[in-house]
Amino acid sequence: MIAADSLRGRIEAIVVGASAGGVEALGLILPALPAAFRPSLLIVLHLPRERPSLLVEIYEKRCALPIREADDKEPIEPGTVYFAPPDYHMLVERNRQIALSTEEPVHYSRPSVDVLFESAADVYGNRLLGVILTGANQDGAAGLHAIHRAGGVTVVQQPDSAKVPLMIVSALQRNPADFVLSLPDIAALLVGLA
């Protein structure tokens, strides 16, 4: 079992995956993070492909950290939140840049949580923390397993606190998580990294 206080200074990046209920879940976590927060956050939230994302507008006025929709070849900066744009996979490249892709959907999803998590695990290894939140499909289970295999830290929302627990249950069936927490406790864990 990992002690939460042992993570301070270790985590370079955090990847988050969510689907149904994710906007509300992130609305509890992201505003809690202080301006001094240093890890980068890369987030896949399943959204309708045919509409523009309003995630930056939803969160930027409520958060101390800069919130961006990711651009292809954009350098990943500390203390910045990046959302995958609708209908693009978001990946982390070895030089710590974002890559966007229109490869086939994974678990009917583009962007895919698995694609982000697996690429980030390859780059950040044990300096990565992955979070699975509420959602209605199996996307993220393989990606969280990749983070675990790379020595990273795995966190999932308590299933009984999720709007739709299928993503969480799928991830837990694939691999035990280092932390299974309520949304306020996930926020507290992340704040403790600062």
N, C-alpha and C. Protein backbone atom coordinates (compact mmCIF):
# COMPACT_ATOMS: atom_id res chain seq x y z
N MET A 1 0.84 -1.19 0.00
CA MET A 1 0.00 0.00 0.00
C MET A 1 0.88 1.25 0.00
N ILE A 2 0.52 2.21 -0.81
CA ILE A 2 1.29 3.45 -0.92
C ILE A 2 0.77 4.45 0.12
N ALA A 3 1.66 5.09 0.82
CA ALA A 3 1.27 6.16 1.74
C ALA A 3 1.14 7.46 0.95
N ALA A 4 0.05 8.17 1.15
CA ALA A 4 -0.21 9.39 0.39
C ALA A 4 0.91 10.41 0.55
N ASP A 5 1.47 10.53 1.75
CA ASP A 5 2.51 11.54 1.95
C ASP A 5 3.82 11.18 1.24
N SER A 6 3.98 9.93 0.84
CA SER A 6 5.19 9.54 0.11
C SER A 6 5.16 10.01 -1.34
N LEU A 7 4.01 10.50 -1.79
CA LEU A 7 3.88 10.93 -3.19
C LEU A 7 4.33 12.37 -3.41
N ARG A 8 4.45 13.16 -2.36
CA ARG A 8 4.81 14.56 -2.50
C ARG A 8 6.16 14.70 -3.18
N GLY A 9 6.20 15.45 -4.27
CA GLY A 9 7.43 15.65 -5.02
C GLY A 9 7.73 14.56 -6.03
N ARG A 10 7.02 13.45 -5.98
CA ARG A 10 7.29 12.33 -6.90
C ARG A 10 6.51 12.46 -8.20
N ILE A 11 5.27 12.96 -8.15
CA ILE A 11 4.38 12.92 -9.30
C ILE A 11 4.63 14.10 -10.24
N GLU A 12 4.94 13.78 -11.48
CA GLU A 12 5.19 14.80 -12.50
C GLU A 12 3.95 15.10 -13.32
N ALA A 13 3.11 14.10 -13.52
CA ALA A 13 1.90 14.29 -14.33
C ALA A 13 0.77 13.43 -13.78
N ILE A 14 -0.45 13.91 -14.02
CA ILE A 14 -1.67 13.21 -13.62
C ILE A 14 -2.54 13.07 -14.85
N VAL A 15 -3.03 11.87 -15.09
CA VAL A 15 -3.98 11.64 -16.18
C VAL A 15 -5.31 11.24 -15.57
N VAL A 16 -6.38 11.75 -16.14
CA VAL A 16 -7.71 11.53 -15.60
C VAL A 16 -8.62 11.08 -16.73
N GLY A 17 -9.44 10.07 -16.47
CA GLY A 17 -10.43 9.61 -17.43
C GLY A 17 -11.81 9.61 -16.81
N ALA A 18 -12.79 10.11 -17.56
CA ALA A 18 -14.17 10.15 -17.08
C ALA A 18 -15.11 10.13 -18.27
N SER A 19 -16.35 9.76 -17.98
CA SER A 19 -17.38 9.76 -19.01
C SER A 19 -18.66 10.30 -18.37
N ALA A 20 -19.73 9.55 -18.37
CA ALA A 20 -21.01 10.03 -17.83
C ALA A 20 -20.84 10.47 -16.38
N GLY A 21 -21.22 11.70 -16.08
CA GLY A 21 -21.06 12.26 -14.75
C GLY A 21 -19.72 12.93 -14.51
N GLY A 22 -18.85 12.89 -15.51
CA GLY A 22 -17.50 13.42 -15.35
C GLY A 22 -17.41 14.92 -15.19
N VAL A 23 -18.29 15.66 -15.86
CA VAL A 23 -18.26 17.13 -15.74
C VAL A 23 -18.47 17.53 -14.28
N GLU A 24 -19.44 16.90 -13.63
CA GLU A 24 -19.73 17.21 -12.24
C GLU A 24 -18.58 16.73 -11.33
N ALA A 25 -18.05 15.55 -11.59
CA ALA A 25 -16.96 15.02 -10.75
C ALA A 25 -15.74 15.94 -10.83
N LEU A 26 -15.38 16.35 -12.02
CA LEU A 26 -14.24 17.26 -12.18
C LEU A 26 -14.52 18.62 -11.56
N GLY A 27 -15.79 18.99 -11.52
CA GLY A 27 -16.18 20.25 -10.88
C GLY A 27 -15.92 20.26 -9.39
N LEU A 28 -15.76 19.09 -8.78
CA LEU A 28 -15.39 19.00 -7.37
C LEU A 28 -13.87 18.93 -7.18
N ILE A 29 -13.18 18.36 -8.17
CA ILE A 29 -11.74 18.14 -8.02
C ILE A 29 -10.91 19.34 -8.49
N LEU A 30 -11.14 19.81 -9.71
CA LEU A 30 -10.26 20.83 -10.30
C LEU A 30 -10.24 22.14 -9.52
N PRO A 31 -11.39 22.67 -9.06
CA PRO A 31 -11.33 23.94 -8.32
C PRO A 31 -10.59 23.83 -6.99
N ALA A 32 -10.38 22.62 -6.48
CA ALA A 32 -9.67 22.44 -5.21
C ALA A 32 -8.16 22.61 -5.36
N LEU A 33 -7.65 22.53 -6.59
CA LEU A 33 -6.20 22.54 -6.79
C LEU A 33 -5.65 23.97 -6.71
N PRO A 34 -4.61 24.18 -5.92
CA PRO A 34 -4.08 25.54 -5.72
C PRO A 34 -3.21 26.00 -6.89
N ALA A 35 -3.01 27.31 -6.97
CA ALA A 35 -2.19 27.88 -8.04
C ALA A 35 -0.76 27.35 -7.99
N ALA A 36 -0.30 26.92 -6.82
CA ALA A 36 1.07 26.40 -6.68
C ALA A 36 1.20 24.94 -7.10
N PHE A 37 0.13 24.32 -7.56
CA PHE A 37 0.13 22.91 -7.95
C PHE A 37 1.06 22.72 -9.15
N ARG A 38 2.02 21.80 -9.08
CA ARG A 38 3.02 21.65 -10.13
C ARG A 38 2.79 20.52 -11.14
N PRO A 39 2.20 19.39 -10.76
CA PRO A 39 2.02 18.36 -11.79
C PRO A 39 1.13 18.85 -12.93
N SER A 40 1.41 18.39 -14.15
CA SER A 40 0.52 18.63 -15.29
C SER A 40 -0.67 17.70 -15.18
N LEU A 41 -1.83 18.14 -15.65
CA LEU A 41 -3.02 17.30 -15.68
C LEU A 41 -3.49 17.15 -17.12
N LEU A 42 -3.67 15.91 -17.56
CA LEU A 42 -4.19 15.62 -18.89
C LEU A 42 -5.47 14.83 -18.72
N ILE A 43 -6.55 15.32 -19.31
CA ILE A 43 -7.88 14.77 -19.01
C ILE A 43 -8.60 14.36 -20.28
N VAL A 44 -9.11 13.15 -20.28
CA VAL A 44 -10.04 12.69 -21.32
C VAL A 44 -11.42 12.59 -20.69
N LEU A 45 -12.34 13.33 -21.25
CA LEU A 45 -13.75 13.27 -20.85
C LEU A 45 -14.53 12.96 -22.12
N HIS A 46 -15.25 11.85 -22.12
CA HIS A 46 -16.01 11.48 -23.31
C HIS A 46 -17.09 12.52 -23.58
N LEU A 47 -17.07 13.08 -24.78
CA LEU A 47 -18.01 14.13 -25.19
C LEU A 47 -18.58 13.78 -26.55
N PRO A 48 -19.74 14.36 -26.92
CA PRO A 48 -20.25 14.15 -28.27
C PRO A 48 -19.23 14.66 -29.31
N ARG A 49 -18.99 13.87 -30.33
CA ARG A 49 -17.98 14.22 -31.33
C ARG A 49 -18.36 15.41 -32.19
N GLU A 50 -19.67 15.59 -32.39
CA GLU A 50 -20.11 16.56 -33.40
C GLU A 50 -20.28 17.97 -32.84
N ARG A 51 -20.01 18.16 -31.55
CA ARG A 51 -20.18 19.50 -30.96
C ARG A 51 -18.87 20.00 -30.38
N PRO A 52 -18.64 21.33 -30.40
CA PRO A 52 -17.43 21.85 -29.77
C PRO A 52 -17.48 21.65 -28.26
N SER A 53 -16.33 21.50 -27.66
CA SER A 53 -16.24 21.33 -26.21
C SER A 53 -16.37 22.68 -25.53
N LEU A 54 -17.07 22.71 -24.41
CA LEU A 54 -17.18 23.92 -23.60
C LEU A 54 -16.42 23.75 -22.28
N LEU A 55 -15.56 22.75 -22.19
CA LEU A 55 -14.91 22.43 -20.92
C LEU A 55 -14.03 23.57 -20.41
N VAL A 56 -13.30 24.22 -21.31
CA VAL A 56 -12.46 25.33 -20.86
C VAL A 56 -13.33 26.42 -20.24
N GLU A 57 -14.44 26.75 -20.92
CA GLU A 57 -15.34 27.79 -20.41
C GLU A 57 -15.97 27.37 -19.08
N ILE A 58 -16.29 26.09 -18.94
CA ILE A 58 -16.92 25.60 -17.71
C ILE A 58 -15.99 25.75 -16.51
N TYR A 59 -14.71 25.44 -16.70
CA TYR A 59 -13.80 25.34 -15.56
C TYR A 59 -12.89 26.55 -15.34
N GLU A 60 -12.56 27.31 -16.37
CA GLU A 60 -11.48 28.29 -16.20
C GLU A 60 -11.77 29.36 -15.16
N LYS A 61 -13.02 29.77 -15.02
CA LYS A 61 -13.35 30.81 -14.03
C LYS A 61 -13.38 30.26 -12.61
N ARG A 62 -13.45 28.95 -12.48
CA ARG A 62 -13.57 28.33 -11.15
C ARG A 62 -12.24 27.76 -10.65
N CYS A 63 -11.21 27.79 -11.48
CA CYS A 63 -9.96 27.10 -11.15
C CYS A 63 -8.78 28.06 -11.08
N ALA A 64 -7.86 27.77 -10.18
CA ALA A 64 -6.64 28.58 -10.05
C ALA A 64 -5.61 28.23 -11.12
N LEU A 65 -5.71 27.02 -11.68
CA LEU A 65 -4.75 26.57 -12.69
C LEU A 65 -5.22 26.98 -14.09
N PRO A 66 -4.27 27.19 -15.03
CA PRO A 66 -4.68 27.42 -16.41
C PRO A 66 -5.34 26.18 -17.01
N ILE A 67 -6.43 26.39 -17.73
CA ILE A 67 -7.21 25.29 -18.34
C ILE A 67 -7.14 25.47 -19.85
N ARG A 68 -6.77 24.42 -20.58
CA ARG A 68 -6.63 24.52 -22.04
C ARG A 68 -7.26 23.31 -22.72
N GLU A 69 -7.73 23.53 -23.95
CA GLU A 69 -8.00 22.40 -24.84
C GLU A 69 -6.69 22.12 -25.55
N ALA A 70 -6.26 20.88 -25.52
CA ALA A 70 -4.93 20.52 -26.02
C ALA A 70 -4.81 20.78 -27.52
N ASP A 71 -3.61 21.21 -27.93
CA ASP A 71 -3.25 21.37 -29.33
C ASP A 71 -2.17 20.36 -29.68
N ASP A 72 -2.16 19.93 -30.92
CA ASP A 72 -1.14 19.00 -31.40
C ASP A 72 0.24 19.64 -31.29
N LYS A 73 1.20 18.88 -30.79
CA LYS A 73 2.60 19.27 -30.63
C LYS A 73 2.81 20.35 -29.57
N GLU A 74 1.82 20.57 -28.72
CA GLU A 74 1.94 21.54 -27.64
C GLU A 74 2.81 20.96 -26.53
N PRO A 75 3.82 21.71 -26.05
CA PRO A 75 4.60 21.23 -24.91
C PRO A 75 3.72 21.13 -23.65
N ILE A 76 3.94 20.10 -22.88
CA ILE A 76 3.19 19.91 -21.64
C ILE A 76 3.88 20.70 -20.54
N GLU A 77 3.16 21.67 -19.98
CA GLU A 77 3.74 22.56 -18.97
C GLU A 77 3.27 22.16 -17.58
N PRO A 78 4.12 22.38 -16.57
CA PRO A 78 3.72 22.08 -15.19
C PRO A 78 2.52 22.95 -14.78
N GLY A 79 1.71 22.40 -13.88
CA GLY A 79 0.63 23.18 -13.30
C GLY A 79 -0.42 23.64 -14.30
N THR A 80 -0.60 22.88 -15.37
CA THR A 80 -1.57 23.23 -16.41
C THR A 80 -2.49 22.05 -16.65
N VAL A 81 -3.77 22.35 -16.91
CA VAL A 81 -4.78 21.33 -17.17
C VAL A 81 -5.06 21.30 -18.68
N TYR A 82 -4.95 20.13 -19.28
CA TYR A 82 -5.19 19.94 -20.72
C TYR A 82 -6.37 19.00 -20.91
N PHE A 83 -7.38 19.43 -21.64
CA PHE A 83 -8.49 18.56 -22.02
C PHE A 83 -8.30 18.09 -23.45
N ALA A 84 -8.56 16.81 -23.68
CA ALA A 84 -8.55 16.29 -25.06
C ALA A 84 -9.70 16.93 -25.83
N PRO A 85 -9.45 17.40 -27.05
CA PRO A 85 -10.55 17.96 -27.84
C PRO A 85 -11.50 16.87 -28.32
N PRO A 86 -12.75 17.22 -28.60
CA PRO A 86 -13.69 16.21 -29.10
C PRO A 86 -13.17 15.55 -30.38
N ASP A 87 -13.36 14.24 -30.46
CA ASP A 87 -13.06 13.43 -31.64
C ASP A 87 -11.57 13.28 -31.95
N TYR A 88 -10.71 13.54 -30.97
CA TYR A 88 -9.27 13.32 -31.12
C TYR A 88 -8.75 12.54 -29.92
N HIS A 89 -7.95 11.50 -30.20
CA HIS A 89 -7.18 10.89 -29.13
C HIS A 89 -6.08 11.87 -28.71
N MET A 90 -5.78 11.90 -27.42
CA MET A 90 -4.67 12.71 -26.91
C MET A 90 -3.61 11.77 -26.37
N LEU A 91 -2.39 11.93 -26.84
CA LEU A 91 -1.27 11.10 -26.42
C LEU A 91 -0.15 11.97 -25.89
N VAL A 92 0.73 11.36 -25.08
CA VAL A 92 1.93 12.02 -24.60
C VAL A 92 3.11 11.47 -25.39
N GLU A 93 3.91 12.36 -25.99
CA GLU A 93 5.10 11.93 -26.73
C GLU A 93 6.32 11.96 -25.81
N ARG A 94 7.37 11.25 -26.20
CA ARG A 94 8.57 11.12 -25.37
C ARG A 94 9.18 12.47 -25.00
N ASN A 95 9.07 13.47 -25.88
CA ASN A 95 9.63 14.79 -25.60
C ASN A 95 8.67 15.64 -24.75
N ARG A 96 7.66 14.97 -24.16
CA ARG A 96 6.68 15.63 -23.29
C ARG A 96 5.91 16.72 -24.04
N GLN A 97 5.49 16.35 -25.23
CA GLN A 97 4.54 17.14 -26.01
C GLN A 97 3.26 16.33 -26.16
N ILE A 98 2.18 17.05 -26.44
CA ILE A 98 0.90 16.40 -26.72
C ILE A 98 0.84 16.05 -28.20
N ALA A 99 0.31 14.89 -28.51
CA ALA A 99 0.01 14.51 -29.89
C ALA A 99 -1.48 14.22 -29.97
N LEU A 100 -2.11 14.72 -31.02
CA LEU A 100 -3.52 14.43 -31.26
C LEU A 100 -3.62 13.48 -32.45
N SER A 101 -4.57 12.56 -32.38
CA SER A 101 -4.69 11.51 -33.39
C SER A 101 -6.16 11.27 -33.73
N THR A 102 -6.39 10.91 -34.98
CA THR A 102 -7.73 10.50 -35.42
C THR A 102 -7.78 9.00 -35.71
N GLU A 103 -6.90 8.25 -35.06
CA GLU A 103 -6.96 6.78 -35.18
C GLU A 103 -8.35 6.30 -34.77
N GLU A 104 -8.63 5.04 -35.03
CA GLU A 104 -9.94 4.47 -34.74
C GLU A 104 -10.33 4.64 -33.27
N PRO A 105 -11.64 4.80 -32.98
CA PRO A 105 -12.07 4.85 -31.58
C PRO A 105 -11.69 3.58 -30.82
N VAL A 106 -11.50 3.71 -29.52
CA VAL A 106 -11.22 2.59 -28.62
C VAL A 106 -12.38 2.53 -27.64
N HIS A 107 -13.01 1.35 -27.52
CA HIS A 107 -14.24 1.21 -26.71
C HIS A 107 -15.28 2.25 -27.15
N TYR A 108 -15.38 2.43 -28.45
CA TYR A 108 -16.35 3.37 -29.06
C TYR A 108 -16.05 4.82 -28.72
N SER A 109 -14.86 5.10 -28.22
CA SER A 109 -14.55 6.45 -27.74
C SER A 109 -13.32 7.04 -28.44
N ARG A 110 -13.47 8.26 -28.86
CA ARG A 110 -12.35 9.08 -29.34
C ARG A 110 -12.67 10.49 -28.92
N PRO A 111 -12.00 11.00 -27.89
CA PRO A 111 -10.76 10.51 -27.28
C PRO A 111 -10.99 9.29 -26.39
N SER A 112 -9.91 8.52 -26.24
CA SER A 112 -9.94 7.32 -25.41
C SER A 112 -9.07 7.51 -24.19
N VAL A 113 -9.59 7.10 -23.05
CA VAL A 113 -8.82 7.11 -21.80
C VAL A 113 -7.64 6.16 -21.92
N ASP A 114 -7.86 4.96 -22.46
CA ASP A 114 -6.77 3.98 -22.59
C ASP A 114 -5.61 4.55 -23.39
N VAL A 115 -5.89 5.20 -24.51
CA VAL A 115 -4.83 5.74 -25.37
C VAL A 115 -3.99 6.76 -24.60
N LEU A 116 -4.64 7.68 -23.89
CA LEU A 116 -3.89 8.65 -23.10
C LEU A 116 -3.08 7.97 -22.01
N PHE A 117 -3.72 7.11 -21.22
CA PHE A 117 -3.05 6.50 -20.07
C PHE A 117 -1.85 5.67 -20.52
N GLU A 118 -2.01 4.87 -21.57
CA GLU A 118 -0.92 3.99 -22.02
C GLU A 118 0.27 4.81 -22.52
N SER A 119 0.00 5.87 -23.28
CA SER A 119 1.12 6.69 -23.78
C SER A 119 1.79 7.44 -22.64
N ALA A 120 1.02 7.93 -21.68
CA ALA A 120 1.60 8.64 -20.54
C ALA A 120 2.42 7.70 -19.66
N ALA A 121 1.96 6.47 -19.48
CA ALA A 121 2.71 5.49 -18.68
C ALA A 121 4.07 5.22 -19.30
N ASP A 122 4.12 5.15 -20.64
CA ASP A 122 5.39 4.92 -21.33
C ASP A 122 6.38 6.06 -21.08
N VAL A 123 5.88 7.27 -20.96
CA VAL A 123 6.75 8.45 -20.83
C VAL A 123 7.10 8.74 -19.37
N TYR A 124 6.12 8.73 -18.49
CA TYR A 124 6.34 9.18 -17.11
C TYR A 124 6.66 8.05 -16.13
N GLY A 125 6.30 6.81 -16.45
CA GLY A 125 6.61 5.69 -15.57
C GLY A 125 6.09 5.88 -14.17
N ASN A 126 6.98 5.76 -13.16
CA ASN A 126 6.54 5.83 -11.77
C ASN A 126 6.28 7.26 -11.30
N ARG A 127 6.43 8.25 -12.17
CA ARG A 127 6.14 9.64 -11.83
C ARG A 127 4.75 10.06 -12.32
N LEU A 128 3.93 9.06 -12.68
CA LEU A 128 2.58 9.30 -13.20
C LEU A 128 1.54 8.83 -12.19
N LEU A 129 0.46 9.59 -12.09
CA LEU A 129 -0.69 9.20 -11.28
C LEU A 129 -1.91 9.18 -12.21
N GLY A 130 -2.64 8.07 -12.21
CA GLY A 130 -3.82 7.93 -13.06
C GLY A 130 -5.08 7.86 -12.23
N VAL A 131 -6.13 8.55 -12.69
CA VAL A 131 -7.40 8.61 -11.97
C VAL A 131 -8.53 8.20 -12.90
N ILE A 132 -9.34 7.24 -12.48
CA ILE A 132 -10.56 6.86 -13.20
C ILE A 132 -11.75 7.34 -12.39
N LEU A 133 -12.61 8.10 -13.06
CA LEU A 133 -13.82 8.62 -12.44
C LEU A 133 -15.04 7.96 -13.09
N THR A 134 -16.20 8.41 -12.71
CA THR A 134 -17.48 7.92 -13.19
C THR A 134 -17.52 7.77 -14.71
N GLY A 135 -18.23 6.75 -15.19
CA GLY A 135 -18.35 6.55 -16.63
C GLY A 135 -19.07 5.27 -16.98
N ALA A 136 -19.52 5.20 -18.25
CA ALA A 136 -20.45 4.14 -18.63
C ALA A 136 -19.87 3.11 -19.60
N ASN A 137 -18.55 3.03 -19.73
CA ASN A 137 -18.02 1.93 -20.53
C ASN A 137 -16.71 1.42 -19.91
N GLN A 138 -15.98 0.58 -20.64
CA GLN A 138 -14.78 -0.05 -20.07
C GLN A 138 -13.51 0.72 -20.38
N ASP A 139 -13.62 1.85 -21.05
CA ASP A 139 -12.44 2.63 -21.39
C ASP A 139 -11.71 3.04 -20.11
N GLY A 140 -10.42 2.87 -20.09
CA GLY A 140 -9.61 3.23 -18.93
C GLY A 140 -9.06 2.05 -18.16
N ALA A 141 -9.71 0.89 -18.23
CA ALA A 141 -9.25 -0.27 -17.47
C ALA A 141 -7.86 -0.72 -17.93
N ALA A 142 -7.66 -0.85 -19.23
CA ALA A 142 -6.35 -1.26 -19.75
C ALA A 142 -5.31 -0.18 -19.49
N GLY A 143 -5.71 1.08 -19.61
CA GLY A 143 -4.78 2.18 -19.38
C GLY A 143 -4.32 2.27 -17.94
N LEU A 144 -5.24 2.07 -17.00
CA LEU A 144 -4.85 2.09 -15.58
C LEU A 144 -3.92 0.92 -15.27
N HIS A 145 -4.17 -0.21 -15.92
CA HIS A 145 -3.28 -1.38 -15.77
C HIS A 145 -1.88 -1.04 -16.28
N ALA A 146 -1.79 -0.30 -17.39
CA ALA A 146 -0.49 0.10 -17.94
C ALA A 146 0.25 1.01 -16.96
N ILE A 147 -0.49 1.91 -16.30
CA ILE A 147 0.13 2.80 -15.31
C ILE A 147 0.67 1.97 -14.14
N HIS A 148 -0.12 1.01 -13.68
CA HIS A 148 0.31 0.13 -12.58
C HIS A 148 1.58 -0.63 -12.98
N ARG A 149 1.59 -1.20 -14.18
CA ARG A 149 2.76 -1.96 -14.66
C ARG A 149 4.01 -1.09 -14.74
N ALA A 150 3.83 0.21 -15.07
CA ALA A 150 4.96 1.12 -15.20
C ALA A 150 5.43 1.67 -13.85
N GLY A 151 4.77 1.26 -12.76
CA GLY A 151 5.17 1.72 -11.44
C GLY A 151 4.50 3.00 -10.99
N GLY A 152 3.50 3.46 -11.77
CA GLY A 152 2.78 4.67 -11.41
C GLY A 152 1.74 4.39 -10.33
N VAL A 153 1.03 5.43 -9.95
CA VAL A 153 0.05 5.38 -8.87
C VAL A 153 -1.35 5.36 -9.49
N THR A 154 -2.21 4.47 -8.99
CA THR A 154 -3.56 4.33 -9.55
C THR A 154 -4.61 4.71 -8.52
N VAL A 155 -5.57 5.51 -8.97
CA VAL A 155 -6.63 6.03 -8.11
C VAL A 155 -7.95 5.84 -8.83
N VAL A 156 -8.96 5.34 -8.13
CA VAL A 156 -10.30 5.28 -8.70
C VAL A 156 -11.31 5.85 -7.72
N GLN A 157 -12.35 6.41 -8.28
CA GLN A 157 -13.46 6.91 -7.48
C GLN A 157 -14.19 5.74 -6.83
N GLN A 158 -14.67 5.93 -5.60
CA GLN A 158 -15.48 4.88 -4.97
C GLN A 158 -16.69 4.60 -5.86
N PRO A 159 -16.90 3.33 -6.22
CA PRO A 159 -18.01 3.03 -7.14
C PRO A 159 -19.37 3.53 -6.66
N ASP A 160 -19.63 3.44 -5.35
CA ASP A 160 -20.96 3.84 -4.87
C ASP A 160 -21.16 5.36 -4.86
N SER A 161 -20.10 6.13 -5.14
CA SER A 161 -20.23 7.58 -5.21
C SER A 161 -20.31 8.08 -6.65
N ALA A 162 -20.24 7.16 -7.62
CA ALA A 162 -20.22 7.54 -9.04
C ALA A 162 -21.63 7.62 -9.61
N LYS A 163 -21.82 8.56 -10.53
CA LYS A 163 -23.10 8.64 -11.23
C LYS A 163 -23.33 7.36 -12.02
N VAL A 164 -22.28 6.89 -12.71
CA VAL A 164 -22.32 5.62 -13.44
C VAL A 164 -21.01 4.88 -13.13
N PRO A 165 -21.05 3.75 -12.43
CA PRO A 165 -19.81 3.13 -11.94
C PRO A 165 -19.12 2.15 -12.90
N LEU A 166 -19.61 1.96 -14.11
CA LEU A 166 -19.07 0.90 -14.97
C LEU A 166 -17.58 1.07 -15.27
N MET A 167 -17.13 2.28 -15.57
CA MET A 167 -15.70 2.49 -15.85
C MET A 167 -14.85 2.14 -14.64
N ILE A 168 -15.33 2.51 -13.47
CA ILE A 168 -14.59 2.26 -12.23
C ILE A 168 -14.53 0.75 -11.95
N VAL A 169 -15.68 0.09 -12.04
CA VAL A 169 -15.74 -1.34 -11.77
C VAL A 169 -14.87 -2.10 -12.75
N SER A 170 -14.90 -1.73 -14.02
CA SER A 170 -14.05 -2.39 -15.04
C SER A 170 -12.58 -2.23 -14.69
N ALA A 171 -12.19 -1.01 -14.26
CA ALA A 171 -10.79 -0.78 -13.89
C ALA A 171 -10.40 -1.62 -12.68
N LEU A 172 -11.28 -1.70 -11.68
CA LEU A 172 -10.97 -2.47 -10.47
C LEU A 172 -10.93 -3.97 -10.74
N GLN A 173 -11.74 -4.45 -11.69
CA GLN A 173 -11.71 -5.87 -12.04
C GLN A 173 -10.40 -6.23 -12.72
N ARG A 174 -9.83 -5.28 -13.46
CA ARG A 174 -8.59 -5.53 -14.18
C ARG A 174 -7.37 -5.47 -13.26
N ASN A 175 -7.45 -4.59 -12.26
CA ASN A 175 -6.27 -4.32 -11.44
C ASN A 175 -6.70 -3.66 -10.14
N PRO A 176 -6.22 -4.09 -8.99
CA PRO A 176 -6.53 -3.36 -7.76
C PRO A 176 -5.89 -1.98 -7.81
N ALA A 177 -6.58 -0.97 -7.29
CA ALA A 177 -6.06 0.40 -7.29
C ALA A 177 -5.30 0.68 -6.01
N ASP A 178 -4.35 1.60 -6.10
CA ASP A 178 -3.63 2.03 -4.90
C ASP A 178 -4.56 2.79 -3.95
N PHE A 179 -5.50 3.54 -4.52
CA PHE A 179 -6.45 4.32 -3.72
C PHE A 179 -7.84 4.19 -4.33
N VAL A 180 -8.84 3.92 -3.51
CA VAL A 180 -10.26 3.96 -3.91
C VAL A 180 -10.90 4.99 -2.99
N LEU A 181 -11.28 6.15 -3.55
CA LEU A 181 -11.62 7.31 -2.73
C LEU A 181 -12.88 8.01 -3.22
N SER A 182 -13.52 8.73 -2.32
CA SER A 182 -14.60 9.63 -2.70
C SER A 182 -14.00 10.82 -3.46
N LEU A 183 -14.85 11.58 -4.14
CA LEU A 183 -14.36 12.75 -4.88
C LEU A 183 -13.65 13.75 -3.96
N PRO A 184 -14.21 14.10 -2.79
CA PRO A 184 -13.48 15.02 -1.91
C PRO A 184 -12.11 14.46 -1.48
N ASP A 185 -12.03 13.15 -1.28
CA ASP A 185 -10.75 12.56 -0.88
C ASP A 185 -9.77 12.49 -2.05
N ILE A 186 -10.26 12.31 -3.28
CA ILE A 186 -9.38 12.40 -4.45
C ILE A 186 -8.81 13.82 -4.53
N ALA A 187 -9.67 14.82 -4.37
CA ALA A 187 -9.20 16.21 -4.40
C ALA A 187 -8.14 16.44 -3.31
N ALA A 188 -8.39 15.93 -2.11
CA ALA A 188 -7.43 16.11 -1.01
C ALA A 188 -6.11 15.41 -1.30
N LEU A 189 -6.16 14.21 -1.89
CA LEU A 189 -4.94 13.50 -2.27
C LEU A 189 -4.12 14.33 -3.26
N LEU A 190 -4.79 14.89 -4.26
CA LEU A 190 -4.08 15.68 -5.26
C LEU A 190 -3.52 16.96 -4.66
N VAL A 191 -4.32 17.63 -3.84
CA VAL A 191 -3.83 18.85 -3.19
C VAL A 191 -2.58 18.55 -2.35
N GLY A 192 -2.55 17.38 -1.74
CA GLY A 192 -1.39 16.97 -0.94
C GLY A 192 -0.13 16.80 -1.74
N LEU A 193 -0.23 16.71 -3.08
CA LEU A 193 0.95 16.60 -3.92
C LEU A 193 1.67 17.94 -4.08
N ALA A 194 0.95 19.04 -3.80
CA ALA A 194 1.50 20.38 -4.06
C ALA A 194 2.61 20.69 -3.07
